[in-house]
Structure formats: C-alpha cells, structure tokens
Protein backbone atom coordinates (compact mmCIF):
# COMPACT_ATOMS: atom_id res chain seq x y z
CA MET A 1 2.08 -22.49 22.30
CA PRO A 2 -1.49 -22.57 20.79
CA ALA A 3 -1.18 -23.98 16.61
CA ARG A 4 -2.78 -20.82 14.43
CA GLU A 5 -3.97 -20.94 10.93
CA SER A 6 -4.73 -17.78 9.62
CA GLU A 7 -5.09 -15.74 5.70
CA ALA A 8 -2.51 -14.01 5.42
CA LEU A 9 -0.40 -11.61 2.83
CA VAL A 10 3.40 -11.97 3.10
CA LEU A 11 5.50 -8.43 3.37
CA ARG A 12 8.94 -9.49 3.02
CA THR A 13 11.60 -11.60 4.36
CA TYR A 14 14.72 -11.29 5.85
CA PRO A 15 17.80 -14.17 6.08
CA PHE A 16 18.26 -15.51 9.36
CA ARG A 17 21.31 -17.81 10.11
CA GLU A 18 22.31 -20.49 7.86
CA SER A 19 19.06 -21.40 6.30
CA SER A 20 16.44 -19.85 7.75
CA LEU A 21 14.14 -16.61 7.27
CA ILE A 22 12.27 -13.74 9.47
CA VAL A 23 8.97 -13.16 7.92
CA SER A 24 7.09 -9.94 8.33
CA PHE A 25 3.43 -10.57 6.96
CA ILE A 26 -0.35 -9.52 7.81
CA ALA A 27 -2.75 -12.19 9.42
CA ARG A 28 -6.21 -11.00 8.49
CA ASP A 29 -7.14 -11.99 12.38
CA GLN A 30 -4.21 -10.90 13.84
CA GLY A 31 -2.62 -8.01 12.11
CA LYS A 32 0.88 -7.34 11.79
CA LEU A 33 2.73 -10.37 12.42
CA ARG A 34 6.77 -11.32 12.40
CA GLY A 35 7.61 -14.82 12.09
CA VAL A 36 11.07 -17.36 12.13
CA ALA A 37 10.98 -20.11 9.06
CA ARG A 38 12.84 -22.68 10.03
CA GLY A 39 14.64 -23.85 6.89
CA ALA A 40 13.26 -21.70 4.35
CA ARG A 41 15.99 -21.13 2.31
CA GLN A 42 17.00 -24.95 1.75
CA ILE A 43 15.85 -26.21 -2.00
CA ARG A 44 13.11 -28.48 -0.39
CA SER A 45 11.44 -26.11 2.19
CA ARG A 46 8.42 -26.68 2.94
CA PHE A 47 7.28 -23.13 2.59
CA GLY A 48 7.82 -23.54 -1.38
CA ALA A 49 6.85 -20.63 -3.42
CA GLY A 50 4.63 -19.13 -0.46
CA LEU A 51 7.19 -16.36 1.07
CA GLU A 52 7.71 -14.72 -1.90
CA ARG A 53 6.80 -10.61 -1.87
CA LEU A 54 2.36 -10.47 -1.46
CA SER A 55 2.06 -13.81 -2.00
CA HIS A 56 -1.61 -14.75 -0.68
CA VAL A 57 -1.35 -17.22 1.46
CA ARG A 58 -2.76 -19.50 4.45
CA MET A 59 -0.44 -19.45 7.13
CA PHE A 60 0.17 -22.10 9.91
CA TYR A 61 1.95 -20.95 13.03
CA PHE A 62 2.83 -21.18 16.25
CA GLN A 63 2.45 -18.43 18.94
CA ARG A 64 3.53 -17.79 22.32
CA GLU A 65 2.52 -15.28 24.54
CA ASN A 66 4.91 -12.67 25.37
CA ARG A 67 7.24 -13.36 22.12
CA ASP A 68 7.96 -11.04 19.75
CA LEU A 69 8.43 -13.65 17.34
CA VAL A 70 6.28 -16.57 16.02
CA SER A 71 6.96 -19.91 14.61
CA LEU A 72 5.73 -20.67 11.40
CA ASP A 73 5.26 -24.40 10.42
CA SER A 74 4.27 -23.99 6.78
CA CYS A 75 1.94 -22.31 4.78
CA GLU A 76 -0.66 -22.67 1.52
CA LEU A 77 -0.55 -20.54 -0.99
CA ILE A 78 -3.62 -19.26 -3.01
CA ASP A 79 -2.84 -16.47 -4.67
CA SER A 80 1.48 -15.35 -6.07
CA GLN A 81 2.20 -12.68 -8.12
CA PHE A 82 4.56 -14.39 -10.19
CA GLY A 83 2.75 -12.96 -13.51
CA VAL A 84 2.98 -9.70 -12.38
CA LEU A 85 6.99 -9.98 -11.40
CA THR A 86 7.40 -10.57 -15.33
CA ASP A 87 7.43 -6.58 -16.14
CA TYR A 88 9.97 -4.60 -14.12
CA SER A 89 7.37 -1.36 -13.86
CA LEU A 90 4.57 -4.02 -11.74
CA GLY A 91 7.47 -5.44 -9.93
CA VAL A 92 8.32 -1.80 -8.26
CA ALA A 93 4.56 -1.42 -7.81
CA LEU A 94 4.88 -4.57 -5.48
CA ASP A 95 7.76 -2.96 -3.58
CA PHE A 96 5.88 0.71 -3.23
CA LEU A 97 2.59 -1.64 -1.90
CA ALA A 98 4.53 -3.85 0.34
CA GLU A 99 6.84 -0.94 1.87
CA ILE A 100 4.04 1.65 2.73
CA SER A 101 2.24 -1.19 4.35
CA GLU A 102 5.36 -2.53 6.51
CA GLN A 103 5.99 0.91 7.52
CA LEU A 104 1.88 2.21 7.82
CA LEU A 105 0.48 -0.92 9.66
CA PRO A 106 1.32 -1.18 13.99
CA GLU A 107 1.80 -4.93 15.09
CA HIS A 108 -0.95 -7.02 16.51
CA GLU A 109 -3.79 -4.64 14.99
CA PRO A 110 -6.09 -6.61 12.71
CA ASN A 111 -7.34 -4.34 9.98
CA ASP A 112 -9.59 -5.83 7.14
CA ARG A 113 -10.37 -2.94 5.52
CA TYR A 114 -6.43 -2.84 4.75
CA PHE A 115 -6.34 -6.41 4.04
CA ARG A 116 -9.15 -6.31 1.79
CA LEU A 117 -7.60 -2.98 -0.15
CA LEU A 118 -4.44 -4.76 -1.05
CA LEU A 119 -6.39 -7.41 -2.36
CA LEU A 120 -8.73 -5.79 -4.63
CA VAL A 121 -5.48 -4.01 -5.44
CA LEU A 122 -3.59 -7.33 -6.60
CA ASP A 123 -6.23 -8.50 -8.15
CA TYR A 124 -6.68 -5.77 -10.80
CA LEU A 125 -2.87 -5.49 -11.20
CA ARG A 126 -3.18 -9.09 -11.91
CA ALA A 127 -5.75 -8.96 -14.19
CA GLY A 128 -4.60 -5.75 -15.99
CA GLY A 129 -1.41 -6.04 -16.18
CA PRO A 130 0.27 -3.11 -17.21
CA ALA A 131 -2.09 -0.83 -18.18
CA ALA A 132 -3.65 -1.26 -14.78
CA LEU A 133 -0.14 0.41 -12.67
CA TRP A 134 -1.30 3.95 -12.21
CA PRO A 135 -4.97 3.67 -11.25
CA ALA A 136 -4.55 0.81 -9.08
CA VAL A 137 -0.73 2.69 -7.30
CA THR A 138 -3.08 6.14 -6.89
CA TYR A 139 -6.00 4.25 -5.73
CA PHE A 140 -4.05 2.13 -2.98
CA SER A 141 -1.69 5.65 -2.26
CA LEU A 142 -5.55 7.35 -1.48
CA TRP A 143 -6.92 4.62 0.56
CA ALA A 144 -4.02 4.11 2.82
CA VAL A 145 -3.70 7.45 3.58
CA LYS A 146 -8.03 7.94 4.18
CA LEU A 147 -8.15 4.36 6.39
CA GLY A 148 -4.73 6.08 8.38
CA GLY A 149 -6.85 8.90 9.05
CA TRP A 150 -5.04 11.65 7.50
CA LEU A 151 -6.74 12.19 4.04
CA PRO A 152 -7.93 15.93 4.37
CA ASP A 153 -11.25 17.28 2.74
CA LEU A 154 -10.27 17.91 -0.31
CA SER A 155 -12.91 20.02 -1.53
CA THR A 156 -12.45 23.19 1.59
CA CYS A 157 -9.36 25.22 1.89
CA MET A 158 -7.79 24.45 5.52
CA ASN A 159 -6.89 27.84 5.38
CA CYS A 160 -9.97 29.92 5.41
CA GLY A 161 -12.66 27.41 5.62
CA VAL A 162 -14.38 28.28 1.63
CA GLU A 163 -15.13 25.53 -0.58
CA ILE A 164 -12.74 25.00 -3.40
CA PRO A 165 -14.46 25.15 -6.79
CA ALA A 166 -14.62 22.18 -8.31
CA GLU A 167 -13.06 23.46 -11.87
CA GLU A 168 -10.50 25.96 -9.77
CA ARG A 169 -6.88 24.09 -8.50
CA ALA A 170 -6.24 23.77 -5.31
CA PHE A 171 -2.56 24.03 -3.70
CA PHE A 172 -0.19 22.02 -1.47
CA THR A 173 3.07 21.80 0.73
CA ARG A 174 4.43 19.22 1.67
CA ILE A 175 4.10 20.84 5.92
CA LEU A 176 0.37 21.71 5.47
CA PRO A 177 -1.80 18.84 6.47
CA GLY A 178 -4.16 19.77 3.67
CA LEU A 179 -5.05 22.09 0.70
CA VAL A 180 -5.40 25.84 0.04
CA CYS A 181 -7.65 27.65 -2.09
CA GLU A 182 -6.14 30.29 -4.66
CA ARG A 183 -6.53 33.12 -1.91
CA CYS A 184 -4.74 31.24 0.98
CA ARG A 185 -2.12 30.07 -1.85
CA PRO A 186 1.03 29.97 -0.23
CA SER A 187 5.01 30.67 -1.85
CA SER A 188 6.55 27.97 -4.05
CA PRO A 189 3.28 25.16 -3.67
CA TRP A 190 2.39 22.00 -5.92
CA THR A 191 -0.49 22.35 -7.46
CA LEU A 192 -3.78 20.07 -7.48
CA ALA A 193 -5.26 20.21 -10.65
CA PRO A 194 -9.25 19.71 -10.91
CA GLU A 195 -9.17 16.42 -12.67
CA SER A 196 -7.35 14.86 -10.13
CA ARG A 197 -9.41 15.96 -7.44
CA ALA A 198 -12.64 14.44 -8.94
CA ILE A 199 -10.24 11.59 -9.59
CA ALA A 200 -9.58 11.20 -5.85
CA GLU A 201 -13.51 11.82 -5.32
CA GLU A 202 -14.58 8.81 -7.54
CA MET A 203 -11.90 6.68 -6.35
CA LEU A 204 -13.42 7.11 -2.39
CA GLN A 205 -16.95 6.96 -3.84
CA ALA A 206 -16.69 3.84 -6.30
CA SER A 207 -14.43 0.60 -6.22
CA LEU A 208 -11.04 0.55 -8.67
CA ARG A 209 -12.51 -1.97 -10.55
CA LYS A 210 -15.80 0.58 -11.73
CA LEU A 211 -13.93 3.64 -11.84
CA SER A 212 -14.53 5.78 -14.95
CA SER A 213 -13.02 4.90 -17.92
CA ARG A 214 -10.15 6.95 -19.01
CA SER A 215 -6.98 6.51 -21.15
CA TRP A 216 -4.17 6.24 -18.03
CA ASP A 217 -0.41 7.28 -18.11
CA LYS A 218 2.29 8.75 -15.70
CA GLN A 219 0.82 11.95 -15.79
CA THR A 220 -2.56 11.14 -14.98
CA ALA A 221 -2.83 12.36 -11.33
CA ALA A 222 0.56 12.43 -10.58
CA ASP A 223 -0.22 15.40 -8.69
CA LEU A 224 -2.62 13.65 -6.60
CA ARG A 225 0.15 10.51 -6.12
CA GLN A 226 2.69 13.30 -5.17
CA PHE A 227 -0.03 14.57 -2.50
CA VAL A 228 -0.97 11.21 -0.68
CA VAL A 229 2.57 10.29 -0.72
CA GLN A 230 3.88 12.83 0.90
CA ARG A 231 1.21 13.03 3.56
CA LEU A 232 2.45 9.23 4.11
CA GLU A 233 5.66 10.28 4.83
CA GLU A 234 4.63 13.00 7.20
CA HIS A 235 3.11 10.68 9.18
CA LEU A 236 5.71 8.06 9.00
CA GLN A 237 8.33 10.33 8.91
CA ARG A 238 10.65 8.67 6.75
CA LYS A 239 11.07 8.67 2.60
CA LEU A 240 9.80 6.20 0.68
CA GLY A 241 12.27 4.86 -1.39
CA THR A 242 9.93 2.81 -3.53
CA ALA A 243 8.15 6.24 -3.60
CA GLU A 244 11.06 7.59 -5.99
CA VAL A 245 11.41 4.97 -7.88
CA LEU A 246 7.76 4.56 -9.36
CA ALA A 247 8.21 8.33 -9.83
CA GLN A 248 11.21 7.69 -11.82
CA LEU A 249 9.75 5.36 -14.25
C-alpha cells in the first residue's frame, strides 16, 4: 500500500460513519480522487481545517490497487478560502466552482490546466473580494467548457458557416451546440451580444488578471454565462443547482 503525497484541492466532503468523512478532491498529479478521512469529524482532528471546501492542501494518503477509495492520513493547508466565505455571494461562487469540478472531471485523470485554472480563479476571488465575483465565474465557466472540448467557434455561424460580424448579435438555444447568425436565427432564441462575444474572445487570449479594465456587475456578460452554463449542462446531462442560485444573486 504505497504512501503518496499530492498537491490537492478539496471539492466536497460527506459524513461517513460516526466520526469520519468521505472526501472528494483533485490531486494535481492523479486527478479526481475520493478518500476516507478517519476521525476527521472529531474535535481534535489531524486534518484541522484542511478539508474545507476548495482548500488548497498538501494531501498525504495511501492508495491500494483496485480500491475506489484511498485512505487519507493527513493534510497540510497551503491556502484556505475562509476570507472569501465572509461574503455570501462569494460563497455561492465557491459552490459553483466545486459543483462544476465535481461533475466535470473524470476520476484518476490528471488535468494540470484545469488545476491551474482553479488556483487562478480562487486567488483572484481572494484578492478581489465581491468586485471579483462576476469576472471570475465568467472566466472559469468559459474555460471549463473550453478545456472540456465543448466550446464552439464564437465568430462563425454553425448553420451556414458565415462569419458573424463583430458588431452583430449571435443567437443560441439549448439544443444547438453553437451560435447562429441573424439569417439563420431560430424561433425563440437567446441572444449573445457583441460586447459579450468580445469579452469571451479576450478571456480566451488573456489571463484573468490581465483583462481590460471595465465595470463589472451581474448584467455584464450574463448572456455569455448563460450560454456556457447551457453547454456544460448539456454535456453533463444534468442541471447545475449552483448556477441557478448564482443567477438569483
């Protein structure tokens, strides 16, 4: 039973027996794993606060072949999200990141780009506070779709193949995998504004910390978030509960 040490991000925990937890986490070198943290619910636990949602930790565990669950030994806290949790809206954002990661990532498949994306967005939220909420969740959800391989060309009509002019609206529905132009517009579509497409193109080219300065509120790129969340839900074949809560903020 080899001992392992991995840089990790905790996604969520579930009660297990009287005093333990089942922990879902992303190990940077091994991908998503689940493990048993024995005694983690006791007052004096060797895990401390390291198993809180989206804590960035160094995880120590044992892994047996042909076992679904690893055995967690201890963890060292690198960064926590305690400061973020003082604001309700940022707490919802953390739930959003964790739910998408839990549902999107397959087990035992390392994905360093996704791991770095989460670290970037968490650092941005900690540094920026409530003002960072909407650019952070927009950037994260867009890149989650991109890394999943489900992001269509945002500049071309999927129906006729014609480039959609930058100054014109694009249209989408839940059942369409991409955007369409005005000429191919279906009945009762949602609209993706030119400004939102421009934000998406910039986010795909620049780091979150290097985006152009603009005033962000809930309405900024709301149509873009709706589009990428729909893409996620279609491929996951389930509704994202935290996306609905986020939309109600």
